[in-house]
């Protein structure tokens, strides 16, 4: 992933309020730290649920092919 791609993604996540900047107590001056917001956590949780469903569906389909 190029630097431009990474910074573009971070910028979009900040704009959409999925992440926020925060200060680390003992971080170098030029390093930025980010954390998920409550909105970001909700979106990640929903995506995990979606991926689990897709995994279950794929497992069932593969089981039918093998059986």
N, C-alpha and C. Protein backbone atom coordinates (compact mmCIF):
# COMPACT_ATOMS: atom_id res chain seq x y z
N UNK A 1 0.85 -1.17 0.00
CA UNK A 1 0.00 0.00 0.00
C UNK A 1 0.90 1.23 0.00
N UNK A 2 0.60 2.14 -0.88
CA UNK A 2 1.41 3.35 -0.94
C UNK A 2 1.02 4.31 0.18
N UNK A 3 1.92 5.23 0.46
CA UNK A 3 1.68 6.23 1.50
C UNK A 3 0.45 7.04 1.19
N UNK A 4 0.29 7.43 -0.06
CA UNK A 4 -0.88 8.23 -0.47
C UNK A 4 -2.18 7.49 -0.23
N UNK A 5 -2.17 6.18 -0.51
CA UNK A 5 -3.36 5.37 -0.29
C UNK A 5 -3.69 5.31 1.19
N UNK A 6 -2.67 5.11 2.01
CA UNK A 6 -2.87 5.03 3.46
C UNK A 6 -3.41 6.34 4.02
N UNK A 7 -2.78 7.45 3.66
CA UNK A 7 -3.23 8.75 4.18
C UNK A 7 -4.62 9.10 3.67
N UNK A 8 -4.93 8.71 2.44
CA UNK A 8 -6.27 8.93 1.90
C UNK A 8 -7.32 8.16 2.69
N UNK A 9 -7.00 6.91 3.03
CA UNK A 9 -7.92 6.09 3.82
C UNK A 9 -8.10 6.67 5.22
N UNK A 10 -7.02 7.08 5.84
CA UNK A 10 -7.11 7.69 7.18
C UNK A 10 -7.96 8.95 7.13
N UNK A 11 -7.76 9.77 6.11
CA UNK A 11 -8.53 11.00 5.96
C UNK A 11 -10.02 10.70 5.84
N UNK A 12 -10.37 9.71 5.03
CA UNK A 12 -11.79 9.34 4.87
C UNK A 12 -12.37 8.82 6.18
N UNK A 13 -11.61 7.99 6.89
CA UNK A 13 -12.09 7.46 8.17
C UNK A 13 -12.31 8.57 9.19
N UNK A 14 -11.43 9.56 9.19
CA UNK A 14 -11.60 10.72 10.07
C UNK A 14 -12.84 11.52 9.68
N UNK A 15 -13.01 11.77 8.39
CA UNK A 15 -14.16 12.54 7.91
C UNK A 15 -15.48 11.84 8.25
N UNK A 16 -15.49 10.52 8.12
CA UNK A 16 -16.71 9.75 8.40
C UNK A 16 -16.90 9.49 9.90
N UNK A 17 -15.92 9.93 10.69
CA UNK A 17 -15.95 9.79 12.16
C UNK A 17 -15.94 8.34 12.62
N UNK A 18 -15.23 7.50 11.85
CA UNK A 18 -15.04 6.11 12.25
C UNK A 18 -13.84 6.01 13.18
N UNK A 19 -12.87 6.94 13.02
CA UNK A 19 -11.70 7.01 13.89
C UNK A 19 -11.51 8.44 14.36
N UNK A 20 -10.68 8.60 15.39
CA UNK A 20 -10.33 9.93 15.89
C UNK A 20 -8.86 9.93 16.29
N UNK A 21 -8.26 11.10 16.24
CA UNK A 21 -6.88 11.25 16.70
C UNK A 21 -6.86 11.34 18.22
N UNK A 22 -5.77 10.87 18.80
CA UNK A 22 -5.58 11.08 20.23
C UNK A 22 -4.09 11.15 20.51
N UNK A 23 -3.74 11.75 21.63
CA UNK A 23 -2.34 11.89 22.02
C UNK A 23 -1.92 10.72 22.88
N UNK A 24 -0.80 10.13 22.49
CA UNK A 24 -0.20 9.09 23.32
C UNK A 24 0.72 9.76 24.31
N UNK A 25 0.76 9.25 25.51
CA UNK A 25 1.56 9.86 26.57
C UNK A 25 3.04 9.93 26.21
N UNK A 26 3.59 8.86 25.69
CA UNK A 26 5.02 8.82 25.42
C UNK A 26 5.32 8.49 23.97
N UNK A 27 4.70 9.23 23.07
CA UNK A 27 4.91 9.01 21.64
C UNK A 27 5.84 10.07 21.08
N UNK A 28 6.60 9.72 20.05
CA UNK A 28 7.41 10.75 19.37
C UNK A 28 6.50 11.87 18.85
N UNK A 29 7.06 13.04 18.77
CA UNK A 29 6.30 14.23 18.39
C UNK A 29 5.56 14.10 17.06
N UNK A 30 6.18 13.51 16.07
CA UNK A 30 5.60 13.49 14.73
C UNK A 30 4.67 12.30 14.48
N UNK A 31 4.50 11.44 15.48
CA UNK A 31 3.64 10.27 15.28
C UNK A 31 2.20 10.59 15.66
N UNK A 32 1.29 10.22 14.77
CA UNK A 32 -0.14 10.39 15.04
C UNK A 32 -0.71 9.07 15.53
N UNK A 33 -1.58 9.14 16.50
CA UNK A 33 -2.26 7.95 17.01
C UNK A 33 -3.75 8.09 16.71
N UNK A 34 -4.38 6.99 16.40
CA UNK A 34 -5.80 6.97 16.07
C UNK A 34 -6.48 5.85 16.85
N UNK A 35 -7.76 6.02 17.10
CA UNK A 35 -8.54 4.95 17.72
C UNK A 35 -9.94 4.99 17.12
N UNK A 36 -10.61 3.85 17.21
CA UNK A 36 -11.97 3.77 16.72
C UNK A 36 -12.90 4.59 17.61
N UNK A 37 -13.85 5.24 16.99
CA UNK A 37 -14.90 5.93 17.73
C UNK A 37 -16.00 4.91 18.04
N UNK A 38 -17.02 5.30 18.78
CA UNK A 38 -18.13 4.37 19.03
C UNK A 38 -18.81 4.01 17.71
N UNK A 39 -18.91 4.96 16.79
CA UNK A 39 -19.48 4.67 15.47
C UNK A 39 -18.60 3.66 14.74
N UNK A 40 -17.30 3.85 14.80
CA UNK A 40 -16.37 2.92 14.16
C UNK A 40 -16.46 1.52 14.75
N UNK A 41 -16.58 1.44 16.07
CA UNK A 41 -16.73 0.13 16.74
C UNK A 41 -18.01 -0.56 16.29
N UNK A 42 -19.10 0.20 16.17
CA UNK A 42 -20.36 -0.38 15.70
C UNK A 42 -20.22 -0.93 14.28
N UNK A 43 -19.55 -0.19 13.43
CA UNK A 43 -19.37 -0.61 12.04
C UNK A 43 -18.50 -1.86 11.97
N UNK A 44 -17.44 -1.89 12.75
CA UNK A 44 -16.57 -3.07 12.78
C UNK A 44 -17.34 -4.28 13.30
N UNK A 45 -18.13 -4.10 14.35
CA UNK A 45 -18.92 -5.21 14.89
C UNK A 45 -19.90 -5.74 13.85
N UNK A 46 -20.55 -4.86 13.12
CA UNK A 46 -21.48 -5.28 12.08
C UNK A 46 -20.75 -6.03 10.96
N UNK A 47 -19.59 -5.56 10.60
CA UNK A 47 -18.80 -6.23 9.55
C UNK A 47 -18.36 -7.62 10.01
N UNK A 48 -18.00 -7.77 11.27
CA UNK A 48 -17.63 -9.08 11.81
C UNK A 48 -18.83 -10.02 11.75
N UNK A 49 -20.02 -9.52 12.12
CA UNK A 49 -21.23 -10.34 12.03
C UNK A 49 -21.49 -10.78 10.59
N UNK A 50 -21.32 -9.85 9.64
CA UNK A 50 -21.53 -10.15 8.23
C UNK A 50 -20.56 -11.22 7.75
N UNK A 51 -19.29 -11.08 8.13
CA UNK A 51 -18.27 -12.04 7.71
C UNK A 51 -18.53 -13.42 8.32
N UNK A 52 -18.99 -13.47 9.57
CA UNK A 52 -19.33 -14.75 10.20
C UNK A 52 -20.47 -15.43 9.46
N UNK A 53 -21.48 -14.66 9.06
CA UNK A 53 -22.59 -15.21 8.30
C UNK A 53 -22.09 -15.78 6.97
N UNK A 54 -21.27 -15.02 6.26
CA UNK A 54 -20.73 -15.50 4.99
C UNK A 54 -19.91 -16.77 5.17
N UNK A 55 -19.16 -16.84 6.25
CA UNK A 55 -18.36 -18.04 6.54
C UNK A 55 -19.27 -19.24 6.79
N UNK A 56 -20.33 -19.04 7.56
CA UNK A 56 -21.27 -20.14 7.81
C UNK A 56 -21.92 -20.61 6.52
N UNK A 57 -22.35 -19.67 5.68
CA UNK A 57 -22.97 -20.04 4.41
C UNK A 57 -22.00 -20.80 3.51
N UNK A 58 -20.78 -20.34 3.44
CA UNK A 58 -19.77 -21.03 2.62
C UNK A 58 -19.49 -22.42 3.16
N UNK A 59 -19.46 -22.58 4.47
CA UNK A 59 -19.22 -23.88 5.10
C UNK A 59 -20.35 -24.86 4.74
N UNK A 60 -21.58 -24.38 4.79
CA UNK A 60 -22.73 -25.23 4.44
C UNK A 60 -22.66 -25.63 2.98
N UNK A 61 -22.38 -24.70 2.10
CA UNK A 61 -22.30 -25.02 0.67
C UNK A 61 -21.20 -26.01 0.37
N UNK A 62 -20.05 -25.83 1.00
CA UNK A 62 -18.94 -26.77 0.78
C UNK A 62 -19.29 -28.16 1.32
N UNK A 63 -19.98 -28.22 2.44
CA UNK A 63 -20.38 -29.51 3.02
C UNK A 63 -21.33 -30.24 2.07
N UNK A 64 -22.22 -29.50 1.43
CA UNK A 64 -23.15 -30.13 0.48
C UNK A 64 -22.43 -30.66 -0.75
N UNK A 65 -21.41 -29.98 -1.18
CA UNK A 65 -20.63 -30.45 -2.34
C UNK A 65 -19.86 -31.73 -2.03
N UNK A 66 -19.35 -31.80 -0.82
CA UNK A 66 -18.54 -32.95 -0.43
C UNK A 66 -19.40 -34.17 -0.11
N UNK A 67 -20.65 -33.95 0.29
CA UNK A 67 -21.50 -35.04 0.74
C UNK A 67 -22.32 -35.65 -0.31
